[in-house]
Amino acid sequence: MAAGSQVQRQSGVALWRQIADRIRASIANGEYDETGRVPPEIVLATQFGVNRHTVRSALAALAQEGIVRAIQGLGTIIERKERLSFPISRRTRFIEGLGTQARETEGLLLESGEEPASEDLAQRLRLAEGAPLIRLEILRKADGRPVSRATAWFPASRFAGIDEAYRNSGSITAALDALGLPDYLRVTTEITASHADRSDMEELGLSAGAVLLVTRSLNADPSGTPIQYSVSRFPADRVQFTIEN
C-alpha cells in the first residue's frame, strides 16, 4: 500500500501533515474503497512508524476538511463526496464548465484594487512594466461549498469598472461582456500543486497540510490580445481537471 511507507523525519514537514497527505492520496486512489473506512489508528501508526497521537492529529485535520468522519463503534469512515470535473479548453468558463454537476454556483468578490504591473505580469499581458492593472480576489462556490479561490489581473486602461461588474454578476464572462468583450479564449494553462497557505485555508475551509491544484492561466480576446492573467487555487480533493483538445 502506498500509504504504508514511513514518513521523512528530517524533511522539515510535520509528521502529521505528511501522514494526512498520504491518507488523502490513498483515499483519492480508492485504496480503502472495499471497507469505506480508514485503517485503525494502531495500524496506521505501525505503517508510518509513528505514535498514535501523531496519526490522530492527521485524522483530525482530514476530518476538519470533511474528508473523513469518526463514528463511535465504526472507526473513521470516508465521506463520499465526488470530485467536480472541471474542463480546461479553448473556452474555459467556470459556470459552464461545471454544467449539471452543481445545482447552484456563486462567485464572490473578496477584494479588488489597482496596482502597477510587475515585470512578470507585464510580459504576460504584453504591457509596459508599471502599467496599471485591476486585481480581483475571487472565491467561487458550488452548492455552497468553496471550490476555488483566484487572483485575476486585467489591464485597467481597457477594463475599468470590471470589479463592480463582477460584483454584480459573479461571473468573469458576464463582467467582460458588460464591458464590451463578448468572447475570449484560453491561451495557456499551467497546472501545479502546493500546500494551502493560511489565507486559502480560511477562505476554502481547509486545514493545515491541505493540497491545492494551482492553475496559472492566460486569456486573450479573439484577436489574440491578452486580457486576463489568473492564478487559481482548487482543493485537490474537491476538483479534478479534464483537458479538452
C-alpha atoms as a PDB file:
ATOM      1  CA  MET A   1       0.000   0.000   0.000  1.00  0.00           C
ATOM      2  CA  ALA A   2       1.361   3.427  -0.971  1.00  0.00           C
ATOM      3  CA  ALA A   3       0.361   4.893   2.374  1.00  0.00           C
ATOM      4  CA  GLY A   4       2.475   2.314   4.188  1.00  0.00           C
ATOM      5  CA  SER A   5       5.869   3.867   3.533  1.00  0.00           C
ATOM      6  CA  GLN A   6       7.379   5.583   6.535  1.00  0.00           C
ATOM      7  CA  VAL A   7       7.472   9.357   6.764  1.00  0.00           C
ATOM      8  CA  GLN A   8      10.591  11.526   6.486  1.00  0.00           C
ATOM      9  CA  ARG A   9      11.559  12.880   9.892  1.00  0.00           C
ATOM     10  CA  GLN A  10      14.143  15.375   8.630  1.00  0.00           C
ATOM     11  CA  SER A  11      12.085  16.790   5.753  1.00  0.00           C
ATOM     12  CA  GLY A  12      11.000  19.972   7.532  1.00  0.00           C
ATOM     13  CA  VAL A  13       7.332  18.994   7.123  1.00  0.00           C
ATOM     14  CA  ALA A  14       5.435  17.985  10.262  1.00  0.00           C
ATOM     15  CA  LEU A  15       4.887  14.231  10.557  1.00  0.00           C
ATOM     16  CA  TRP A  16       1.129  14.555  10.987  1.00  0.00           C
ATOM     17  CA  ARG A  17       0.959  16.672   7.840  1.00  0.00           C
ATOM     18  CA  GLN A  18       2.882  14.065   5.822  1.00  0.00           C
ATOM     19  CA  ILE A  19       0.555  11.362   7.102  1.00  0.00           C
ATOM     20  CA  ALA A  20      -2.558  13.419   6.303  1.00  0.00           C
ATOM     21  CA  ASP A  21      -1.259  13.949   2.760  1.00  0.00           C
ATOM     22  CA  ARG A  22      -0.647  10.227   2.259  1.00  0.00           C
ATOM     23  CA  ILE A  23      -4.005   9.182   3.674  1.00  0.00           C
ATOM     24  CA  ARG A  24      -5.688  11.805   1.482  1.00  0.00           C
ATOM     25  CA  ALA A  25      -3.876  10.419  -1.556  1.00  0.00           C
ATOM     26  CA  SER A  26      -4.817   6.838  -0.647  1.00  0.00           C
ATOM     27  CA  ILE A  27      -8.477   7.841  -0.350  1.00  0.00           C
ATOM     28  CA  ALA A  28      -8.313   9.601  -3.734  1.00  0.00           C
ATOM     29  CA  ASN A  29      -6.732   6.497  -5.268  1.00  0.00           C
ATOM     30  CA  GLY A  30      -9.525   4.270  -3.931  1.00  0.00           C
ATOM     31  CA  GLU A  31      -7.234   2.196  -1.730  1.00  0.00           C
ATOM     32  CA  TYR A  32      -9.812   1.984   1.072  1.00  0.00           C
ATOM     33  CA  ASP A  33     -12.908   1.551  -1.101  1.00  0.00           C
ATOM     34  CA  GLU A  34     -13.553  -2.065  -0.044  1.00  0.00           C
ATOM     35  CA  THR A  35     -14.185  -1.080   3.563  1.00  0.00           C
ATOM     36  CA  GLY A  36     -15.161   2.574   3.180  1.00  0.00           C
ATOM     37  CA  ARG A  37     -13.038   3.237   6.250  1.00  0.00           C
ATOM     38  CA  VAL A  38      -9.531   4.380   7.041  1.00  0.00           C
ATOM     39  CA  PRO A  39      -7.479   1.664   8.812  1.00  0.00           C
ATOM     40  CA  PRO A  40      -7.436   1.843  12.638  1.00  0.00           C
ATOM     41  CA  GLU A  41      -5.033   4.263  14.303  1.00  0.00           C
ATOM     42  CA  ILE A  42      -2.789   1.488  15.569  1.00  0.00           C
ATOM     43  CA  VAL A  43      -2.451   0.031  12.048  1.00  0.00           C
ATOM     44  CA  LEU A  44      -1.619   3.443  10.557  1.00  0.00           C
ATOM     45  CA  ALA A  45       0.852   4.146  13.365  1.00  0.00           C
ATOM     46  CA  THR A  46       2.677   0.922  12.543  1.00  0.00           C
ATOM     47  CA  GLN A  47       2.650   1.605   8.794  1.00  0.00           C
ATOM     48  CA  PHE A  48       4.050   5.104   9.190  1.00  0.00           C
ATOM     49  CA  GLY A  49       6.387   4.347  12.089  1.00  0.00           C
ATOM     50  CA  VAL A  50       4.877   6.975  14.409  1.00  0.00           C
ATOM     51  CA  ASN A  51       2.822   7.021  17.608  1.00  0.00           C
ATOM     52  CA  ARG A  52      -0.975   7.021  17.657  1.00  0.00           C
ATOM     53  CA  HIS A  53      -1.141  10.650  18.775  1.00  0.00           C
ATOM     54  CA  THR A  54       0.528  11.737  15.516  1.00  0.00           C
ATOM     55  CA  VAL A  55      -1.932   9.646  13.485  1.00  0.00           C
ATOM     56  CA  ARG A  56      -4.807  11.110  15.496  1.00  0.00           C
ATOM     57  CA  SER A  57      -3.653  14.647  14.603  1.00  0.00           C
ATOM     58  CA  ALA A  58      -3.568  13.716  10.906  1.00  0.00           C
ATOM     59  CA  LEU A  59      -7.081  12.234  11.030  1.00  0.00           C
ATOM     60  CA  ALA A  60      -8.371  15.294  12.901  1.00  0.00           C
ATOM     61  CA  ALA A  61      -7.059  17.537  10.113  1.00  0.00           C
ATOM     62  CA  LEU A  62      -8.760  15.371   7.466  1.00  0.00           C
ATOM     63  CA  ALA A  63     -11.996  15.433   9.476  1.00  0.00           C
ATOM     64  CA  GLN A  64     -11.841  19.233   9.550  1.00  0.00           C
ATOM     65  CA  GLU A  65     -11.609  19.194   5.756  1.00  0.00           C
ATOM     66  CA  GLY A  66     -14.678  16.945   5.581  1.00  0.00           C
ATOM     67  CA  ILE A  67     -12.761  14.035   4.053  1.00  0.00           C
ATOM     68  CA  VAL A  68     -13.281  11.589   6.948  1.00  0.00           C
ATOM     69  CA  ARG A  69     -15.545  11.323   9.974  1.00  0.00           C
ATOM     70  CA  ALA A  70     -15.048   9.360  13.195  1.00  0.00           C
ATOM     71  CA  ILE A  71     -18.083   7.327  14.309  1.00  0.00           C
ATOM     72  CA  GLN A  72     -18.221   5.576  17.671  1.00  0.00           C
ATOM     73  CA  GLY A  73     -18.049   1.833  17.167  1.00  0.00           C
ATOM     74  CA  LEU A  74     -17.346   2.065  13.421  1.00  0.00           C
ATOM     75  CA  GLY A  75     -13.993   3.818  13.287  1.00  0.00           C
ATOM     76  CA  THR A  76     -13.053   6.542  10.811  1.00  0.00           C
ATOM     77  CA  ILE A  77     -15.262   6.431   7.738  1.00  0.00           C
ATOM     78  CA  ILE A  78     -14.622   8.117   4.415  1.00  0.00           C
ATOM     79  CA  GLU A  79     -17.086  10.830   3.459  1.00  0.00           C
ATOM     80  CA  ARG A  80     -18.285  10.156  -0.074  1.00  0.00           C
ATOM     81  CA  LYS A  81     -18.011  13.476  -1.833  1.00  0.00           C
ATOM     82  CA  GLU A  82     -17.388  13.141  -5.537  1.00  0.00           C
ATOM     83  CA  ARG A  83     -14.893  15.498  -7.106  1.00  0.00           C
ATOM     84  CA  LEU A  84     -16.179  18.072  -9.536  1.00  0.00           C
ATOM     85  CA  SER A  85     -14.769  17.607 -13.014  1.00  0.00           C
ATOM     86  CA  PHE A  86     -13.640  20.940 -14.407  1.00  0.00           C
ATOM     87  CA  PRO A  87     -12.794  21.075 -18.142  1.00  0.00           C
ATOM     88  CA  ILE A  88      -9.933  23.154 -19.477  1.00  0.00           C
ATOM     89  CA  SER A  89     -10.337  24.060 -23.146  1.00  0.00           C
ATOM     90  CA  ARG A  90     -10.049  26.983 -25.568  1.00  0.00           C
ATOM     91  CA  ARG A  91     -13.174  28.460 -23.991  1.00  0.00           C
ATOM     92  CA  THR A  92     -12.737  27.658 -20.319  1.00  0.00           C
ATOM     93  CA  ARG A  93     -15.637  29.028 -18.277  1.00  0.00           C
ATOM     94  CA  PHE A  94     -16.265  28.272 -14.598  1.00  0.00           C
ATOM     95  CA  ILE A  95     -20.065  28.121 -14.541  1.00  0.00           C
ATOM     96  CA  GLU A  96     -20.470  26.475 -17.949  1.00  0.00           C
ATOM     97  CA  GLY A  97     -17.675  24.028 -17.120  1.00  0.00           C
ATOM     98  CA  LEU A  98     -19.479  22.663 -14.070  1.00  0.00           C
ATOM     99  CA  GLY A  99     -22.658  22.146 -16.070  1.00  0.00           C
ATOM    100  CA  THR A 100     -25.144  19.921 -14.218  1.00  0.00           C
ATOM    101  CA  GLN A 101     -22.636  18.867 -11.551  1.00  0.00           C
ATOM    102  CA  ALA A 102     -23.803  21.678  -9.270  1.00  0.00           C
ATOM    103  CA  ARG A 103     -27.316  22.984  -8.685  1.00  0.00           C
ATOM    104  CA  GLU A 104     -26.060  26.436  -7.688  1.00  0.00           C
ATOM    105  CA  THR A 105     -22.840  28.308  -8.396  1.00  0.00           C
ATOM    106  CA  GLU A 106     -21.665  31.526  -6.806  1.00  0.00           C
ATOM    107  CA  GLY A 107     -18.812  33.944  -7.444  1.00  0.00           C
ATOM    108  CA  LEU A 108     -17.862  36.332  -4.643  1.00  0.00           C
ATOM    109  CA  LEU A 109     -15.567  39.335  -4.938  1.00  0.00           C
ATOM    110  CA  LEU A 110     -13.423  39.251  -1.791  1.00  0.00           C
ATOM    111  CA  GLU A 111     -11.235  42.233  -2.651  1.00  0.00           C
ATOM    112  CA  SER A 112     -10.218  44.437  -5.560  1.00  0.00           C
ATOM    113  CA  GLY A 113      -7.640  47.112  -6.218  1.00  0.00           C
ATOM    114  CA  GLU A 114      -5.379  48.781  -8.746  1.00  0.00           C
ATOM    115  CA  GLU A 115      -1.650  48.074  -8.866  1.00  0.00           C
ATOM    116  CA  PRO A 116       1.275  48.562 -11.270  1.00  0.00           C
ATOM    117  CA  ALA A 117       2.203  45.623 -13.473  1.00  0.00           C
ATOM    118  CA  SER A 118       5.224  43.701 -12.252  1.00  0.00           C
ATOM    119  CA  GLU A 119       7.821  42.634 -14.796  1.00  0.00           C
ATOM    120  CA  ASP A 120       6.250  39.148 -14.962  1.00  0.00           C
ATOM    121  CA  LEU A 121       2.654  40.377 -15.359  1.00  0.00           C
ATOM    122  CA  ALA A 122       3.705  42.997 -17.905  1.00  0.00           C
ATOM    123  CA  GLN A 123       5.333  40.318 -20.066  1.00  0.00           C
ATOM    124  CA  ARG A 124       2.331  38.008 -19.835  1.00  0.00           C
ATOM    125  CA  LEU A 125      -0.197  40.734 -20.635  1.00  0.00           C
ATOM    126  CA  ARG A 126       2.071  42.472 -23.205  1.00  0.00           C
ATOM    127  CA  LEU A 127       2.074  45.746 -21.325  1.00  0.00           C
ATOM    128  CA  ALA A 128       4.737  48.173 -20.208  1.00  0.00           C
ATOM    129  CA  GLU A 129       6.140  47.410 -16.779  1.00  0.00           C
ATOM    130  CA  GLY A 130       4.279  49.552 -14.264  1.00  0.00           C
ATOM    131  CA  ALA A 131       1.134  49.832 -16.393  1.00  0.00           C
ATOM    132  CA  PRO A 132      -1.984  49.968 -14.192  1.00  0.00           C
ATOM    133  CA  LEU A 133      -3.775  46.660 -13.570  1.00  0.00           C
ATOM    134  CA  ILE A 134      -7.024  45.877 -11.810  1.00  0.00           C
ATOM    135  CA  ARG A 135      -6.655  42.927  -9.437  1.00  0.00           C
ATOM    136  CA  LEU A 136      -9.632  40.860  -8.310  1.00  0.00           C
ATOM    137  CA  GLU A 137      -9.617  38.343  -5.442  1.00  0.00           C
ATOM    138  CA  ILE A 138     -12.419  35.877  -6.136  1.00  0.00           C
ATOM    139  CA  LEU A 139     -14.000  32.987  -4.230  1.00  0.00           C
ATOM    140  CA  ARG A 140     -16.138  30.528  -6.186  1.00  0.00           C
ATOM    141  CA  LYS A 141     -18.617  28.100  -4.665  1.00  0.00           C
ATOM    142  CA  ALA A 142     -20.649  25.165  -5.968  1.00  0.00           C
ATOM    143  CA  ASP A 143     -23.753  24.247  -3.965  1.00  0.00           C
ATOM    144  CA  GLY A 144     -22.433  26.384  -1.136  1.00  0.00           C
ATOM    145  CA  ARG A 145     -19.078  24.615  -0.991  1.00  0.00           C
ATOM    146  CA  PRO A 146     -15.915  26.615  -1.782  1.00  0.00           C
ATOM    147  CA  VAL A 147     -14.189  25.109  -4.833  1.00  0.00           C
ATOM    148  CA  SER A 148     -11.683  27.764  -5.898  1.00  0.00           C
ATOM    149  CA  ARG A 149     -10.011  30.971  -4.938  1.00  0.00           C
ATOM    150  CA  ALA A 150      -8.480  33.078  -7.688  1.00  0.00           C
ATOM    151  CA  THR A 151      -6.389  36.197  -8.150  1.00  0.00           C
ATOM    152  CA  ALA A 152      -7.021  37.793 -11.561  1.00  0.00           C
ATOM    153  CA  TRP A 153      -5.389  40.790 -13.222  1.00  0.00           C
ATOM    154  CA  PHE A 154      -6.837  42.904 -16.083  1.00  0.00           C
ATOM    155  CA  PRO A 155      -5.409  45.931 -17.956  1.00  0.00           C
ATOM    156  CA  ALA A 156      -7.001  48.917 -16.230  1.00  0.00           C
ATOM    157  CA  SER A 157      -6.964  51.028 -19.397  1.00  0.00           C
ATOM    158  CA  ARG A 158      -9.341  48.577 -21.082  1.00  0.00           C
ATOM    159  CA  PHE A 159     -11.387  47.151 -18.237  1.00  0.00           C
ATOM    160  CA  ALA A 160     -12.090  49.985 -15.836  1.00  0.00           C
ATOM    161  CA  GLY A 161     -15.081  49.001 -13.705  1.00  0.00           C
ATOM    162  CA  ILE A 162     -14.606  45.239 -14.010  1.00  0.00           C
ATOM    163  CA  ASP A 163     -14.584  44.937 -10.219  1.00  0.00           C
ATOM    164  CA  GLU A 164     -18.089  46.359  -9.957  1.00  0.00           C
ATOM    165  CA  ALA A 165     -19.247  44.376 -12.996  1.00  0.00           C
ATOM    166  CA  TYR A 166     -18.010  41.172 -11.362  1.00  0.00           C
ATOM    167  CA  ARG A 167     -19.542  42.093  -8.016  1.00  0.00           C
ATOM    168  CA  ASN A 168     -22.923  42.467  -9.723  1.00  0.00           C
ATOM    169  CA  SER A 169     -22.752  39.312 -11.841  1.00  0.00           C
ATOM    170  CA  GLY A 170     -20.477  36.861 -10.020  1.00  0.00           C
ATOM    171  CA  SER A 171     -19.089  35.854 -13.426  1.00  0.00           C
ATOM    172  CA  ILE A 172     -15.934  36.897 -15.274  1.00  0.00           C
ATOM    173  CA  THR A 173     -17.636  36.109 -18.589  1.00  0.00           C
ATOM    174  CA  ALA A 174     -20.636  38.298 -17.760  1.00  0.00           C
ATOM    175  CA  ALA A 175     -18.413  41.091 -16.416  1.00  0.00           C
ATOM    176  CA  LEU A 176     -16.296  41.150 -19.585  1.00  0.00           C
ATOM    177  CA  ASP A 177     -19.429  41.097 -21.730  1.00  0.00           C
ATOM    178  CA  ALA A 178     -20.809  44.077 -19.785  1.00  0.00           C
ATOM    179  CA  LEU A 179     -17.591  45.940 -20.623  1.00  0.00           C
ATOM    180  CA  GLY A 180     -17.839  45.193 -24.342  1.00  0.00           C
ATOM    181  CA  LEU A 181     -15.971  41.881 -24.724  1.00  0.00           C
ATOM    182  CA  PRO A 182     -18.494  39.104 -25.511  1.00  0.00           C
ATOM    183  CA  ASP A 183     -15.931  36.382 -26.188  1.00  0.00           C
ATOM    184  CA  TYR A 184     -12.413  35.398 -25.151  1.00  0.00           C
ATOM    185  CA  LEU A 185     -10.108  32.391 -25.487  1.00  0.00           C
ATOM    186  CA  ARG A 186      -7.784  30.458 -23.216  1.00  0.00           C
ATOM    187  CA  VAL A 187      -4.203  30.819 -24.432  1.00  0.00           C
ATOM    188  CA  THR A 188      -2.238  28.847 -21.837  1.00  0.00           C
ATOM    189  CA  THR A 189      -2.867  26.921 -18.629  1.00  0.00           C
ATOM    190  CA  GLU A 190      -0.108  25.768 -16.290  1.00  0.00           C
ATOM    191  CA  ILE A 191      -1.077  23.302 -13.530  1.00  0.00           C
ATOM    192  CA  THR A 192       0.969  22.685 -10.391  1.00  0.00           C
ATOM    193  CA  ALA A 193       0.287  21.557  -6.805  1.00  0.00           C
ATOM    194  CA  SER A 194       1.100  23.144  -3.472  1.00  0.00           C
ATOM    195  CA  HIS A 195       0.020  23.224   0.161  1.00  0.00           C
ATOM    196  CA  ALA A 196      -2.647  25.766   1.079  1.00  0.00           C
ATOM    197  CA  ASP A 197      -1.431  28.895   2.865  1.00  0.00           C
ATOM    198  CA  ARG A 198      -3.295  30.408   5.805  1.00  0.00           C
ATOM    199  CA  SER A 199      -5.419  32.723   3.667  1.00  0.00           C
ATOM    200  CA  ASP A 200      -6.537  29.951   1.313  1.00  0.00           C
ATOM    201  CA  MET A 201      -7.233  27.634   4.258  1.00  0.00           C
ATOM    202  CA  GLU A 202      -9.584  30.202   5.763  1.00  0.00           C
ATOM    203  CA  GLU A 203     -11.471  31.039   2.564  1.00  0.00           C
ATOM    204  CA  LEU A 204     -11.676  27.459   1.241  1.00  0.00           C
ATOM    205  CA  GLY A 205     -12.405  25.833   4.600  1.00  0.00           C
ATOM    206  CA  LEU A 206      -9.254  23.687   4.678  1.00  0.00           C
ATOM    207  CA  SER A 207      -6.929  22.505   7.406  1.00  0.00           C
ATOM    208  CA  ALA A 208      -3.159  22.819   7.559  1.00  0.00           C
ATOM    209  CA  GLY A 209      -1.476  20.493   5.076  1.00  0.00           C
ATOM    210  CA  ALA A 210      -4.334  20.520   2.551  1.00  0.00           C
ATOM    211  CA  VAL A 211      -3.167  20.175  -1.048  1.00  0.00           C
ATOM    212  CA  LEU A 212      -4.216  22.617  -3.762  1.00  0.00           C
ATOM    213  CA  LEU A 213      -4.218  22.296  -7.524  1.00  0.00           C
ATOM    214  CA  VAL A 214      -2.943  25.629  -8.831  1.00  0.00           C
ATOM    215  CA  THR A 215      -3.654  26.893 -12.339  1.00  0.00           C
ATOM    216  CA  ARG A 216      -1.888  29.844 -13.932  1.00  0.00           C
ATOM    217  CA  SER A 217      -3.881  30.844 -16.966  1.00  0.00           C
ATOM    218  CA  LEU A 218      -3.811  33.497 -19.665  1.00  0.00           C
ATOM    219  CA  ASN A 219      -6.903  34.571 -21.608  1.00  0.00           C
ATOM    220  CA  ALA A 220      -6.977  36.692 -24.763  1.00  0.00           C
ATOM    221  CA  ASP A 221      -9.616  38.357 -26.914  1.00  0.00           C
ATOM    222  CA  PRO A 222     -10.398  36.821 -30.341  1.00  0.00           C
ATOM    223  CA  SER A 223      -7.663  38.938 -31.951  1.00  0.00           C
ATOM    224  CA  GLY A 224      -5.064  37.409 -29.631  1.00  0.00           C
ATOM    225  CA  THR A 225      -4.537  40.402 -27.330  1.00  0.00           C
ATOM    226  CA  PRO A 226      -4.096  39.236 -23.688  1.00  0.00           C
ATOM    227  CA  ILE A 227      -6.903  40.450 -21.448  1.00  0.00           C
ATOM    228  CA  GLN A 228      -6.586  38.448 -18.210  1.00  0.00           C
ATOM    229  CA  TYR A 229      -3.971  36.559 -16.208  1.00  0.00           C
ATOM    230  CA  SER A 230      -5.156  34.465 -13.263  1.00  0.00           C
ATOM    231  CA  VAL A 231      -3.753  32.269 -10.533  1.00  0.00           C
ATOM    232  CA  SER A 232      -6.484  29.953  -9.240  1.00  0.00           C
ATOM    233  CA  ARG A 233      -6.294  27.525  -6.316  1.00  0.00           C
ATOM    234  CA  PHE A 234      -8.574  24.461  -6.134  1.00  0.00           C
ATOM    235  CA  PRO A 235      -8.788  21.965  -3.225  1.00  0.00           C
ATOM    236  CA  ALA A 236      -7.338  18.773  -4.707  1.00  0.00           C
ATOM    237  CA  ASP A 237      -9.939  16.560  -3.024  1.00  0.00           C
ATOM    238  CA  ARG A 238     -12.870  18.550  -4.472  1.00  0.00           C
ATOM    239  CA  VAL A 239     -11.885  19.195  -8.098  1.00  0.00           C
ATOM    240  CA  GLN A 240     -10.230  17.318 -10.935  1.00  0.00           C
ATOM    241  CA  PHE A 241      -9.294  18.735 -14.335  1.00  0.00           C
ATOM    242  CA  THR A 242     -10.162  17.398 -17.752  1.00  0.00           C
ATOM    243  CA  ILE A 243      -8.019  18.705 -20.584  1.00  0.00           C
ATOM    244  CA  GLU A 244     -10.118  19.036 -23.746  1.00  0.00           C
ATOM    245  CA  ASN A 245      -8.439  19.265 -27.139  1.00  0.00           C
END
